[in-house]
Amino acid sequence: MENKIGEKVRSLREAKGWSQRELGLKIGLKQSNIGNIESGKNKMNKMAVVEQLLDVFNISFDFLFADVLVASNSRTESDFIQAVKLELVQMDGKELKLSDEIIYLYLKSIRSYHTKSR
């Protein structure tokens, strides 16, 4: 799978005019960690990092992870959940449960939106 999330983080950072070091200072990571996320060498391994990125860039979870769904060429919810989990492979059990809950709520909101728009 391509490094869609890392590319998006880089694009968002550059749009703000921030260096990797500046972004790292804002979210409590080293410059090398930011570089590794952007290059795909390291996955975002903590839900807290995801939450900090969402906050610092003022973006939604679905905006950050939308390309995961497209890249996976999946059409089912379970495929989407697995694709996102692959992006966050180093989470501990508690964080994986939280990610499942977030994804479930996101997909529920999508279904609700599509049901209302019919």
PDB file of N, CA and C in Angstrom:
ATOM      1  N   MET A   1       0.840  -1.173   0.000  1.00  0.00           N
ATOM      2  CA  MET A   1       0.000   0.000   0.000  1.00  0.00           C
ATOM      3  C   MET A   1       0.887   1.239   0.000  1.00  0.00           C
ATOM      4  N   GLU A   2       0.502   2.209  -0.794  1.00  0.00           N
ATOM      5  CA  GLU A   2       1.255   3.446  -0.840  1.00  0.00           C
ATOM      6  C   GLU A   2       1.156   4.167   0.503  1.00  0.00           C
ATOM      7  N   ASN A   3       2.016   5.137   0.675  1.00  0.00           N
ATOM      8  CA  ASN A   3       2.067   5.897   1.919  1.00  0.00           C
ATOM      9  C   ASN A   3       1.146   7.116   1.832  1.00  0.00           C
ATOM     10  N   LYS A   4      -0.139   6.888   1.680  1.00  0.00           N
ATOM     11  CA  LYS A   4      -1.098   7.974   1.493  1.00  0.00           C
ATOM     12  C   LYS A   4      -1.187   8.886   2.708  1.00  0.00           C
ATOM     13  N   ILE A   5      -1.185   8.322   3.890  1.00  0.00           N
ATOM     14  CA  ILE A   5      -1.325   9.132   5.098  1.00  0.00           C
ATOM     15  C   ILE A   5      -0.073   9.990   5.300  1.00  0.00           C
ATOM     16  N   GLY A   6       1.095   9.398   5.143  1.00  0.00           N
ATOM     17  CA  GLY A   6       2.333  10.156   5.276  1.00  0.00           C
ATOM     18  C   GLY A   6       2.418  11.293   4.266  1.00  0.00           C
ATOM     19  N   GLU A   7       1.982  11.017   3.043  1.00  0.00           N
ATOM     20  CA  GLU A   7       1.978  12.058   2.009  1.00  0.00           C
ATOM     21  C   GLU A   7       1.016  13.181   2.398  1.00  0.00           C
ATOM     22  N   LYS A   8      -0.117  12.825   2.968  1.00  0.00           N
ATOM     23  CA  LYS A   8      -1.086  13.841   3.374  1.00  0.00           C
ATOM     24  C   LYS A   8      -0.532  14.674   4.527  1.00  0.00           C
ATOM     25  N   VAL A   9       0.129  14.033   5.485  1.00  0.00           N
ATOM     26  CA  VAL A   9       0.732  14.769   6.599  1.00  0.00           C
ATOM     27  C   VAL A   9       1.763  15.757   6.059  1.00  0.00           C
ATOM     28  N   ARG A  10       2.596  15.314   5.129  1.00  0.00           N
ATOM     29  CA  ARG A  10       3.605  16.201   4.536  1.00  0.00           C
ATOM     30  C   ARG A  10       2.931  17.380   3.833  1.00  0.00           C
ATOM     31  N   SER A  11       1.917  17.098   3.054  1.00  0.00           N
ATOM     32  CA  SER A  11       1.218  18.150   2.318  1.00  0.00           C
ATOM     33  C   SER A  11       0.582  19.169   3.265  1.00  0.00           C
ATOM     34  N   LEU A  12      -0.060  18.680   4.317  1.00  0.00           N
ATOM     35  CA  LEU A  12      -0.676  19.574   5.300  1.00  0.00           C
ATOM     36  C   LEU A  12       0.373  20.424   6.008  1.00  0.00           C
ATOM     37  N   ARG A  13       1.482  19.793   6.375  1.00  0.00           N
ATOM     38  CA  ARG A  13       2.571  20.514   7.063  1.00  0.00           C
ATOM     39  C   ARG A  13       3.138  21.600   6.165  1.00  0.00           C
ATOM     40  N   GLU A  14       3.403  21.251   4.912  1.00  0.00           N
ATOM     41  CA  GLU A  14       3.973  22.218   3.982  1.00  0.00           C
ATOM     42  C   GLU A  14       2.993  23.356   3.696  1.00  0.00           C
ATOM     43  N   ALA A  15       1.700  23.049   3.644  1.00  0.00           N
ATOM     44  CA  ALA A  15       0.690  24.091   3.418  1.00  0.00           C
ATOM     45  C   ALA A  15       0.684  25.114   4.554  1.00  0.00           C
ATOM     46  N   LYS A  16       1.018  24.669   5.747  1.00  0.00           N
ATOM     47  CA  LYS A  16       1.108  25.569   6.903  1.00  0.00           C
ATOM     48  C   LYS A  16       2.441  26.314   6.940  1.00  0.00           C
ATOM     49  N   GLY A  17       3.392  25.885   6.106  1.00  0.00           N
ATOM     50  CA  GLY A  17       4.706  26.499   6.094  1.00  0.00           C
ATOM     51  C   GLY A  17       5.591  26.054   7.248  1.00  0.00           C
ATOM     52  N   TRP A  18       5.283  24.890   7.805  1.00  0.00           N
ATOM     53  CA  TRP A  18       6.034  24.378   8.948  1.00  0.00           C
ATOM     54  C   TRP A  18       7.111  23.403   8.502  1.00  0.00           C
ATOM     55  N   SER A  19       8.218  23.424   9.213  1.00  0.00           N
ATOM     56  CA  SER A  19       9.247  22.401   9.017  1.00  0.00           C
ATOM     57  C   SER A  19       8.809  21.144   9.788  1.00  0.00           C
ATOM     58  N   GLN A  20       9.492  20.054   9.536  1.00  0.00           N
ATOM     59  CA  GLN A  20       9.206  18.837  10.309  1.00  0.00           C
ATOM     60  C   GLN A  20       9.465  19.090  11.789  1.00  0.00           C
ATOM     61  N   ARG A  21      10.497  19.846  12.073  1.00  0.00           N
ATOM     62  CA  ARG A  21      10.828  20.163  13.470  1.00  0.00           C
ATOM     63  C   ARG A  21       9.697  20.952  14.125  1.00  0.00           C
ATOM     64  N   GLU A  22       9.168  21.954  13.405  1.00  0.00           N
ATOM     65  CA  GLU A  22       8.077  22.770  13.962  1.00  0.00           C
ATOM     66  C   GLU A  22       6.835  21.930  14.237  1.00  0.00           C
ATOM     67  N   LEU A  23       6.473  21.056  13.298  1.00  0.00           N
ATOM     68  CA  LEU A  23       5.324  20.182  13.520  1.00  0.00           C
ATOM     69  C   LEU A  23       5.589  19.274  14.711  1.00  0.00           C
ATOM     70  N   GLY A  24       6.772  18.720  14.777  1.00  0.00           N
ATOM     71  CA  GLY A  24       7.130  17.852  15.892  1.00  0.00           C
ATOM     72  C   GLY A  24       6.988  18.548  17.237  1.00  0.00           C
ATOM     73  N   LEU A  25       7.434  19.795  17.309  1.00  0.00           N
ATOM     74  CA  LEU A  25       7.307  20.561  18.558  1.00  0.00           C
ATOM     75  C   LEU A  25       5.844  20.784  18.928  1.00  0.00           C
ATOM     76  N   LYS A  26       4.999  20.977  17.930  1.00  0.00           N
ATOM     77  CA  LYS A  26       3.580  21.228  18.179  1.00  0.00           C
ATOM     78  C   LYS A  26       2.851  19.995  18.714  1.00  0.00           C
ATOM     79  N   ILE A  27       3.331  18.801  18.324  1.00  0.00           N
ATOM     80  CA  ILE A  27       2.616  17.579  18.739  1.00  0.00           C
ATOM     81  C   ILE A  27       3.457  16.659  19.621  1.00  0.00           C
ATOM     82  N   GLY A  28       4.636  17.113  20.007  1.00  0.00           N
ATOM     83  CA  GLY A  28       5.439  16.351  20.950  1.00  0.00           C
ATOM     84  C   GLY A  28       6.213  15.189  20.371  1.00  0.00           C
ATOM     85  N   LEU A  29       6.607  15.303  19.106  1.00  0.00           N
ATOM     86  CA  LEU A  29       7.431  14.271  18.470  1.00  0.00           C
ATOM     87  C   LEU A  29       8.734  14.882  17.986  1.00  0.00           C
ATOM     88  N   LYS A  30       9.738  14.043  17.824  1.00  0.00           N
ATOM     89  CA  LYS A  30      11.014  14.478  17.268  1.00  0.00           C
ATOM     90  C   LYS A  30      10.865  14.689  15.764  1.00  0.00           C
ATOM     91  N   GLN A  31      11.729  15.535  15.225  1.00  0.00           N
ATOM     92  CA  GLN A  31      11.741  15.779  13.786  1.00  0.00           C
ATOM     93  C   GLN A  31      11.890  14.464  13.019  1.00  0.00           C
ATOM     94  N   SER A  32      12.729  13.579  13.524  1.00  0.00           N
ATOM     95  CA  SER A  32      12.958  12.299  12.837  1.00  0.00           C
ATOM     96  C   SER A  32      11.676  11.454  12.801  1.00  0.00           C
ATOM     97  N   ASN A  33      10.854  11.532  13.856  1.00  0.00           N
ATOM     98  CA  ASN A  33       9.583  10.805  13.862  1.00  0.00           C
ATOM     99  C   ASN A  33       8.633  11.340  12.785  1.00  0.00           C
ATOM    100  N   ILE A  34       8.593  12.661  12.658  1.00  0.00           N
ATOM    101  CA  ILE A  34       7.749  13.272  11.621  1.00  0.00           C
ATOM    102  C   ILE A  34       8.236  12.842  10.244  1.00  0.00           C
ATOM    103  N   GLY A  35       9.538  12.893  10.031  1.00  0.00           N
ATOM    104  CA  GLY A  35      10.106  12.463   8.756  1.00  0.00           C
ATOM    105  C   GLY A  35       9.791  11.013   8.443  1.00  0.00           C
ATOM    106  N   ASN A  36       9.857  10.171   9.459  1.00  0.00           N
ATOM    107  CA  ASN A  36       9.564   8.749   9.259  1.00  0.00           C
ATOM    108  C   ASN A  36       8.086   8.503   8.965  1.00  0.00           C
ATOM    109  N   ILE A  37       7.199   9.271   9.599  1.00  0.00           N
ATOM    110  CA  ILE A  37       5.764   9.151   9.291  1.00  0.00           C
ATOM    111  C   ILE A  37       5.522   9.579   7.845  1.00  0.00           C
ATOM    112  N   GLU A  38       6.095  10.711   7.466  1.00  0.00           N
ATOM    113  CA  GLU A  38       5.885  11.227   6.113  1.00  0.00           C
ATOM    114  C   GLU A  38       6.445  10.303   5.039  1.00  0.00           C
ATOM    115  N   SER A  39       7.557   9.671   5.325  1.00  0.00           N
ATOM    116  CA  SER A  39       8.187   8.798   4.328  1.00  0.00           C
ATOM    117  C   SER A  39       7.624   7.384   4.327  1.00  0.00           C
ATOM    118  N   GLY A  40       6.848   7.062   5.354  1.00  0.00           N
ATOM    119  CA  GLY A  40       6.290   5.719   5.449  1.00  0.00           C
ATOM    120  C   GLY A  40       7.186   4.732   6.159  1.00  0.00           C
ATOM    121  N   LYS A  41       8.339   5.190   6.668  1.00  0.00           N
ATOM    122  CA  LYS A  41       9.243   4.292   7.399  1.00  0.00           C
ATOM    123  C   LYS A  41       8.625   3.847   8.716  1.00  0.00           C
ATOM    124  N   ASN A  42       7.899   4.746   9.347  1.00  0.00           N
ATOM    125  CA  ASN A  42       7.201   4.424  10.600  1.00  0.00           C
ATOM    126  C   ASN A  42       5.727   4.738  10.442  1.00  0.00           C
ATOM    127  N   LYS A  43       4.904   3.902  11.001  1.00  0.00           N
ATOM    128  CA  LYS A  43       3.471   4.155  11.037  1.00  0.00           C
ATOM    129  C   LYS A  43       3.164   4.987  12.275  1.00  0.00           C
ATOM    130  N   MET A  44       2.057   5.688  12.232  1.00  0.00           N
ATOM    131  CA  MET A  44       1.625   6.396  13.432  1.00  0.00           C
ATOM    132  C   MET A  44       1.211   5.327  14.426  1.00  0.00           C
ATOM    133  N   ASN A  45       1.930   5.235  15.535  1.00  0.00           N
ATOM    134  CA  ASN A  45       1.746   4.093  16.411  1.00  0.00           C
ATOM    135  C   ASN A  45       0.920   4.374  17.658  1.00  0.00           C
ATOM    136  N   LYS A  46       0.377   5.532  17.760  1.00  0.00           N
ATOM    137  CA  LYS A  46      -0.436   5.860  18.927  1.00  0.00           C
ATOM    138  C   LYS A  46      -1.652   6.661  18.483  1.00  0.00           C
ATOM    139  N   MET A  47      -2.790   6.334  19.041  1.00  0.00           N
ATOM    140  CA  MET A  47      -3.990   7.099  18.741  1.00  0.00           C
ATOM    141  C   MET A  47      -3.782   8.559  19.129  1.00  0.00           C
ATOM    142  N   ALA A  48      -2.993   8.801  20.166  1.00  0.00           N
ATOM    143  CA  ALA A  48      -2.729  10.176  20.600  1.00  0.00           C
ATOM    144  C   ALA A  48      -2.055  10.979  19.487  1.00  0.00           C
ATOM    145  N   VAL A  49      -1.169  10.349  18.712  1.00  0.00           N
ATOM    146  CA  VAL A  49      -0.506  11.047  17.606  1.00  0.00           C
ATOM    147  C   VAL A  49      -1.545  11.416  16.551  1.00  0.00           C
ATOM    148  N   VAL A  50      -2.430  10.485  16.249  1.00  0.00           N
ATOM    149  CA  VAL A  50      -3.493  10.761  15.280  1.00  0.00           C
ATOM    150  C   VAL A  50      -4.330  11.935  15.770  1.00  0.00           C
ATOM    151  N   GLU A  51      -4.735  11.887  17.027  1.00  0.00           N
ATOM    152  CA  GLU A  51      -5.562  12.953  17.589  1.00  0.00           C
ATOM    153  C   GLU A  51      -4.836  14.295  17.548  1.00  0.00           C
ATOM    154  N   GLN A  52      -3.543  14.302  17.841  1.00  0.00           N
ATOM    155  CA  GLN A  52      -2.769  15.548  17.811  1.00  0.00           C
ATOM    156  C   GLN A  52      -2.675  16.106  16.394  1.00  0.00           C
ATOM    157  N   LEU A  53      -2.496  15.225  15.418  1.00  0.00           N
ATOM    158  CA  LEU A  53      -2.456  15.677  14.025  1.00  0.00           C
ATOM    159  C   LEU A  53      -3.796  16.261  13.601  1.00  0.00           C
ATOM    160  N   LEU A  54      -4.873  15.588  13.984  1.00  0.00           N
ATOM    161  CA  LEU A  54      -6.207  16.105  13.649  1.00  0.00           C
ATOM    162  C   LEU A  54      -6.393  17.494  14.240  1.00  0.00           C
ATOM    163  N   ASP A  55      -5.950  17.657  15.477  1.00  0.00           N
ATOM    164  CA  ASP A  55      -6.112  18.928  16.176  1.00  0.00           C
ATOM    165  C   ASP A  55      -5.230  20.025  15.578  1.00  0.00           C
ATOM    166  N   VAL A  56      -3.949  19.750  15.388  1.00  0.00           N
ATOM    167  CA  VAL A  56      -3.022  20.777  14.922  1.00  0.00           C
ATOM    168  C   VAL A  56      -3.345  21.234  13.493  1.00  0.00           C
ATOM    169  N   PHE A  57      -3.865  20.323  12.673  1.00  0.00           N
ATOM    170  CA  PHE A  57      -4.224  20.681  11.303  1.00  0.00           C
ATOM    171  C   PHE A  57      -5.700  21.069  11.172  1.00  0.00           C
ATOM    172  N   ASN A  58      -6.451  20.903  12.258  1.00  0.00           N
ATOM    173  CA  ASN A  58      -7.887  21.197  12.260  1.00  0.00           C
ATOM    174  C   ASN A  58      -8.611  20.437  11.141  1.00  0.00           C
ATOM    175  N   ILE A  59      -8.376  19.124  11.131  1.00  0.00           N
ATOM    176  CA  ILE A  59      -8.991  18.255  10.118  1.00  0.00           C
ATOM    177  C   ILE A  59      -9.748  17.134  10.818  1.00  0.00           C
ATOM    178  N   SER A  60     -10.575  16.440  10.068  1.00  0.00           N
ATOM    179  CA  SER A  60     -11.349  15.325  10.614  1.00  0.00           C
ATOM    180  C   SER A  60     -10.617  14.001  10.376  1.00  0.00           C
ATOM    181  N   PHE A  61     -11.020  13.012  11.140  1.00  0.00           N
ATOM    182  CA  PHE A  61     -10.471  11.665  10.997  1.00  0.00           C
ATOM    183  C   PHE A  61     -10.675  11.157   9.570  1.00  0.00           C
ATOM    184  N   ASP A  62     -11.885  11.348   9.040  1.00  0.00           N
ATOM    185  CA  ASP A  62     -12.168  10.835   7.703  1.00  0.00           C
ATOM    186  C   ASP A  62     -11.352  11.557   6.637  1.00  0.00           C
ATOM    187  N   PHE A  63     -11.018  12.836   6.843  1.00  0.00           N
ATOM    188  CA  PHE A  63     -10.172  13.544   5.882  1.00  0.00           C
ATOM    189  C   PHE A  63      -8.773  12.927   5.854  1.00  0.00           C
ATOM    190  N   LEU A  64      -8.224  12.663   7.031  1.00  0.00           N
ATOM    191  CA  LEU A  64      -6.874  12.097   7.095  1.00  0.00           C
ATOM    192  C   LEU A  64      -6.821  10.690   6.502  1.00  0.00           C
ATOM    193  N   PHE A  65      -7.851   9.884   6.747  1.00  0.00           N
ATOM    194  CA  PHE A  65      -7.825   8.482   6.331  1.00  0.00           C
ATOM    195  C   PHE A  65      -8.619   8.168   5.071  1.00  0.00           C
ATOM    196  N   ALA A  66      -9.178   9.170   4.412  1.00  0.00           N
ATOM    197  CA  ALA A  66     -10.005   8.925   3.223  1.00  0.00           C
ATOM    198  C   ALA A  66      -9.244   8.172   2.140  1.00  0.00           C
ATOM    199  N   ASP A  67      -7.972   8.493   1.960  1.00  0.00           N
ATOM    200  CA  ASP A  67      -7.187   7.842   0.910  1.00  0.00           C
ATOM    201  C   ASP A  67      -6.910   6.376   1.210  1.00  0.00           C
ATOM    202  N   VAL A  68      -6.979   5.986   2.466  1.00  0.00           N
ATOM    203  CA  VAL A  68      -6.785   4.577   2.814  1.00  0.00           C
ATOM    204  C   VAL A  68      -7.883   3.749   2.167  1.00  0.00           C
ATOM    205  N   LEU A  69      -9.096   4.244   2.236  1.00  0.00           N
ATOM    206  CA  LEU A  69     -10.221   3.533   1.626  1.00  0.00           C
ATOM    207  C   LEU A  69     -10.050   3.455   0.117  1.00  0.00           C
ATOM    208  N   VAL A  70      -9.685   4.555  -0.508  1.00  0.00           N
ATOM    209  CA  VAL A  70      -9.487   4.578  -1.952  1.00  0.00           C
ATOM    210  C   VAL A  70      -8.334   3.665  -2.348  1.00  0.00           C
ATOM    211  N   ALA A  71      -7.230   3.742  -1.598  1.00  0.00           N
ATOM    212  CA  ALA A  71      -6.049   2.938  -1.923  1.00  0.00           C
ATOM    213  C   ALA A  71      -6.308   1.448  -1.773  1.00  0.00           C
ATOM    214  N   SER A  72      -7.201   1.092  -0.855  1.00  0.00           N
ATOM    215  CA  SER A  72      -7.451  -0.328  -0.639  1.00  0.00           C
ATOM    216  C   SER A  72      -8.398  -0.916  -1.679  1.00  0.00           C
ATOM    217  N   ASN A  73      -9.009  -0.045  -2.487  1.00  0.00           N
ATOM    218  CA  ASN A  73      -9.982  -0.498  -3.482  1.00  0.00           C
ATOM    219  C   ASN A  73     -11.051  -1.381  -2.859  1.00  0.00           C
ATOM    220  N   SER A  74     -11.389  -1.075  -1.616  1.00  0.00           N
ATOM    221  CA  SER A  74     -12.358  -1.917  -0.939  1.00  0.00           C
ATOM    222  C   SER A  74     -13.736  -1.308  -1.036  1.00  0.00           C
ATOM    223  N   ARG A  75     -14.719  -2.156  -0.920  1.00  0.00           N
ATOM    224  CA  ARG A  75     -16.099  -1.708  -0.969  1.00  0.00           C
ATOM    225  C   ARG A  75     -16.850  -2.076   0.300  1.00  0.00           C
ATOM    226  N   THR A  76     -16.200  -2.756   1.212  1.00  0.00           N
ATOM    227  CA  THR A  76     -16.893  -3.171   2.427  1.00  0.00           C
ATOM    228  C   THR A  76     -16.333  -2.457   3.645  1.00  0.00           C
ATOM    229  N   GLU A  77     -17.155  -2.325   4.662  1.00  0.00           N
ATOM    230  CA  GLU A  77     -16.733  -1.679   5.894  1.00  0.00           C
ATOM    231  C   GLU A  77     -15.590  -2.434   6.554  1.00  0.00           C
ATOM    232  N   SER A  78     -15.664  -3.757   6.565  1.00  0.00           N
ATOM    233  CA  SER A  78     -14.614  -4.521   7.237  1.00  0.00           C
ATOM    234  C   SER A  78     -13.272  -4.360   6.521  1.00  0.00           C
ATOM    235  N   ASP A  79     -13.282  -4.257   5.194  1.00  0.00           N
ATOM    236  CA  ASP A  79     -12.042  -4.011   4.460  1.00  0.00           C
ATOM    237  C   ASP A  79     -11.466  -2.652   4.822  1.00  0.00           C
ATOM    238  N   PHE A  80     -12.336  -1.656   4.963  1.00  0.00           N
ATOM    239  CA  PHE A  80     -11.890  -0.321   5.344  1.00  0.00           C
ATOM    240  C   PHE A  80     -11.263  -0.337   6.733  1.00  0.00           C
ATOM    241  N   ILE A  81     -11.915  -1.004   7.660  1.00  0.00           N
ATOM    242  CA  ILE A  81     -11.388  -1.088   9.022  1.00  0.00           C
ATOM    243  C   ILE A  81     -10.019  -1.764   9.017  1.00  0.00           C
ATOM    244  N   GLN A  82      -9.873  -2.829   8.266  1.00  0.00           N
ATOM    245  CA  GLN A  82      -8.587  -3.516   8.202  1.00  0.00           C
ATOM    246  C   GLN A  82      -7.514  -2.631   7.568  1.00  0.00           C
ATOM    247  N   ALA A  83      -7.877  -1.866   6.530  1.00  0.00           N
ATOM    248  CA  ALA A  83      -6.907  -0.980   5.887  1.00  0.00           C
ATOM    249  C   ALA A  83      -6.418   0.084   6.859  1.00  0.00           C
ATOM    250  N   VAL A  84      -7.332   0.648   7.632  1.00  0.00           N
ATOM    251  CA  VAL A  84      -6.931   1.647   8.628  1.00  0.00           C
ATOM    252  C   VAL A  84      -6.057   1.005   9.689  1.00  0.00           C
ATOM    253  N   LYS A  85      -6.427  -0.190  10.143  1.00  0.00           N
ATOM    254  CA  LYS A  85      -5.612  -0.878  11.151  1.00  0.00           C
ATOM    255  C   LYS A  85      -4.193  -1.115  10.645  1.00  0.00           C
ATOM    256  N   LEU A  86      -4.039  -1.414   9.360  1.00  0.00           N
ATOM    257  CA  LEU A  86      -2.702  -1.599   8.812  1.00  0.00           C
ATOM    258  C   LEU A  86      -1.877  -0.324   8.923  1.00  0.00           C
ATOM    259  N   GLU A  87      -2.532   0.818   8.832  1.00  0.00           N
ATOM    260  CA  GLU A  87      -1.830   2.086   8.963  1.00  0.00           C
ATOM    261  C   GLU A  87      -1.414   2.363  10.403  1.00  0.00           C
ATOM    262  N   LEU A  88      -2.062   1.729  11.354  1.00  0.00           N
ATOM    263  CA  LEU A  88      -1.801   1.975  12.774  1.00  0.00           C
ATOM    264  C   LEU A  88      -1.352   0.687  13.466  1.00  0.00           C
ATOM    265  N   VAL A  89      -0.445  -0.037  12.815  1.00  0.00           N
ATOM    266  CA  VAL A  89      -0.089  -1.394  13.217  1.00  0.00           C
ATOM    267  C   VAL A  89       0.528  -1.535  14.600  1.00  0.00           C
ATOM    268  N   GLN A  90       1.088  -0.489  15.132  1.00  0.00           N
ATOM    269  CA  GLN A  90       1.800  -0.642  16.394  1.00  0.00           C
ATOM    270  C   GLN A  90       0.973  -0.257  17.613  1.00  0.00           C
ATOM    271  N   MET A  91      -0.321  -0.143  17.443  1.00  0.00           N
ATOM    272  CA  MET A  91      -1.171   0.222  18.576  1.00  0.00           C
ATOM    273  C   MET A  91      -1.255  -0.919  19.582  1.00  0.00           C
ATOM    274  N   ASP A  92      -1.447  -0.533  20.834  1.00  0.00           N
ATOM    275  CA  ASP A  92      -1.702  -1.560  21.833  1.00  0.00           C
ATOM    276  C   ASP A  92      -3.196  -1.916  21.799  1.00  0.00           C
ATOM    277  N   GLY A  93      -3.598  -2.907  22.561  1.00  0.00           N
ATOM    278  CA  GLY A  93      -4.975  -3.407  22.533  1.00  0.00           C
ATOM    279  C   GLY A  93      -6.010  -2.344  22.844  1.00  0.00           C
ATOM    280  N   LYS A  94      -5.737  -1.501  23.814  1.00  0.00           N
ATOM    281  CA  LYS A  94      -6.689  -0.449  24.191  1.00  0.00           C
ATOM    282  C   LYS A  94      -6.873   0.545  23.039  1.00  0.00           C
ATOM    283  N   GLU A  95      -5.775   0.908  22.399  1.00  0.00           N
ATOM    284  CA  GLU A  95      -5.853   1.849  21.284  1.00  0.00           C
ATOM    285  C   GLU A  95      -6.551   1.233  20.070  1.00  0.00           C
ATOM    286  N   LEU A  96      -6.333  -0.055  19.835  1.00  0.00           N
ATOM    287  CA  LEU A  96      -7.040  -0.716  18.739  1.00  0.00           C
ATOM    288  C   LEU A  96      -8.541  -0.730  18.990  1.00  0.00           C
ATOM    289  N   LYS A  97      -8.940  -0.979  20.232  1.00  0.00           N
ATOM    290  CA  LYS A  97     -10.356  -0.955  20.555  1.00  0.00           C
ATOM    291  C   LYS A  97     -10.925   0.435  20.313  1.00  0.00           C
ATOM    292  N   LEU A  98     -10.188   1.463  20.704  1.00  0.00           N
ATOM    293  CA  LEU A  98     -10.627   2.833  20.485  1.00  0.00           C
ATOM    294  C   LEU A  98     -10.739   3.125  18.994  1.00  0.00           C
ATOM    295  N   SER A  99      -9.777   2.661  18.210  1.00  0.00           N
ATOM    296  CA  SER A  99      -9.835   2.909  16.764  1.00  0.00           C
ATOM    297  C   SER A  99     -11.040   2.204  16.154  1.00  0.00           C
ATOM    298  N   ASP A 100     -11.346   0.991  16.611  1.00  0.00           N
ATOM    299  CA  ASP A 100     -12.548   0.294  16.147  1.00  0.00           C
ATOM    300  C   ASP A 100     -13.791   1.118  16.436  1.00  0.00           C
ATOM    301  N   GLU A 101     -13.851   1.688  17.642  1.00  0.00           N
ATOM    302  CA  GLU A 101     -15.016   2.480  18.032  1.00  0.00           C
ATOM    303  C   GLU A 101     -15.132   3.739  17.181  1.00  0.00           C
ATOM    304  N   ILE A 102     -14.019   4.400  16.927  1.00  0.00           N
ATOM    305  CA  ILE A 102     -14.037   5.612  16.098  1.00  0.00           C
ATOM    306  C   ILE A 102     -14.475   5.284  14.682  1.00  0.00           C
ATOM    307  N   ILE A 103     -13.921   4.218  14.126  1.00  0.00           N
ATOM    308  CA  ILE A 103     -14.272   3.829  12.759  1.00  0.00           C
ATOM    309  C   ILE A 103     -15.737   3.424  12.688  1.00  0.00           C
ATOM    310  N   TYR A 104     -16.203   2.690  13.685  1.00  0.00           N
ATOM    311  CA  TYR A 104     -17.600   2.289  13.711  1.00  0.00           C
ATOM    312  C   TYR A 104     -18.513   3.521  13.705  1.00  0.00           C
ATOM    313  N   LEU A 105     -18.193   4.512  14.549  1.00  0.00           N
ATOM    314  CA  LEU A 105     -19.003   5.731  14.606  1.00  0.00           C
ATOM    315  C   LEU A 105     -18.953   6.492  13.288  1.00  0.00           C
ATOM    316  N   TYR A 106     -17.790   6.529  12.683  1.00  0.00           N
ATOM    317  CA  TYR A 106     -17.646   7.200  11.393  1.00  0.00           C
ATOM    318  C   TYR A 106     -18.510   6.516  10.329  1.00  0.00           C
ATOM    319  N   LEU A 107     -18.416   5.201  10.240  1.00  0.00           N
ATOM    320  CA  LEU A 107     -19.202   4.476   9.246  1.00  0.00           C
ATOM    321  C   LEU A 107     -20.699   4.583   9.521  1.00  0.00           C
ATOM    322  N   LYS A 108     -21.062   4.587  10.791  1.00  0.00           N
ATOM    323  CA  LYS A 108     -22.464   4.759  11.170  1.00  0.00           C
ATOM    324  C   LYS A 108     -22.968   6.123  10.696  1.00  0.00           C
ATOM    325  N   SER A 109     -22.148   7.145  10.852  1.00  0.00           N
ATOM    326  CA  SER A 109     -22.561   8.481  10.420  1.00  0.00           C
ATOM    327  C   SER A 109     -22.697   8.553   8.899  1.00  0.00           C
ATOM    328  N   ILE A 110     -21.823   7.848   8.182  1.00  0.00           N
ATOM    329  CA  ILE A 110     -21.920   7.811   6.720  1.00  0.00           C
ATOM    330  C   ILE A 110     -23.222   7.137   6.291  1.00  0.00           C
ATOM    331  N   ARG A 111     -23.522   5.978   6.905  1.00  0.00           N
ATOM    332  CA  ARG A 111     -24.764   5.272   6.567  1.00  0.00           C
ATOM    333  C   ARG A 111     -25.971   6.149   6.860  1.00  0.00           C
ATOM    334  N   SER A 112     -25.944   6.840   7.978  1.00  0.00           N
ATOM    335  CA  SER A 112     -27.046   7.714   8.353  1.00  0.00           C
ATOM    336  C   SER A 112     -27.211   8.841   7.339  1.00  0.00           C
ATOM    337  N   TYR A 113     -26.106   9.429   6.917  1.00  0.00           N
ATOM    338  CA  TYR A 113     -26.141  10.502   5.934  1.00  0.00           C
ATOM    339  C   TYR A 113     -26.721  10.008   4.622  1.00  0.00           C
ATOM    340  N   HIS A 114     -26.266   8.844   4.148  1.00  0.00           N
ATOM    341  CA  HIS A 114     -26.740   8.303   2.878  1.00  0.00           C
ATOM    342  C   HIS A 114     -28.214   7.927   2.959  1.00  0.00           C
ATOM    343  N   THR A 115     -28.664   7.444   4.101  1.00  0.00           N
ATOM    344  CA  THR A 115     -30.065   7.081   4.286  1.00  0.00           C
ATOM    345  C   THR A 115     -30.928   8.338   4.213  1.00  0.00           C
ATOM    346  N   LYS A 116     -30.486   9.414   4.846  1.00  0.00           N
ATOM    347  CA  LYS A 116     -31.242  10.664   4.841  1.00  0.00           C
ATOM    348  C   LYS A 116     -31.259  11.328   3.482  1.00  0.00           C
ATOM    349  N   SER A 117     -30.205  11.152   2.678  1.00  0.00           N
ATOM    350  CA  SER A 117     -30.120  11.831   1.388  1.00  0.00           C
ATOM    351  C   SER A 117     -30.862  11.094   0.282  1.00  0.00           C
ATOM    352  N   ARG A 118     -31.427   9.943   0.576  1.00  0.00           N
ATOM    353  CA  ARG A 118     -32.164   9.186  -0.456  1.00  0.00           C
ATOM    354  C   ARG A 118     -33.568   9.684  -0.613  1.00  0.00           C
TER     355      ARG A 118
END
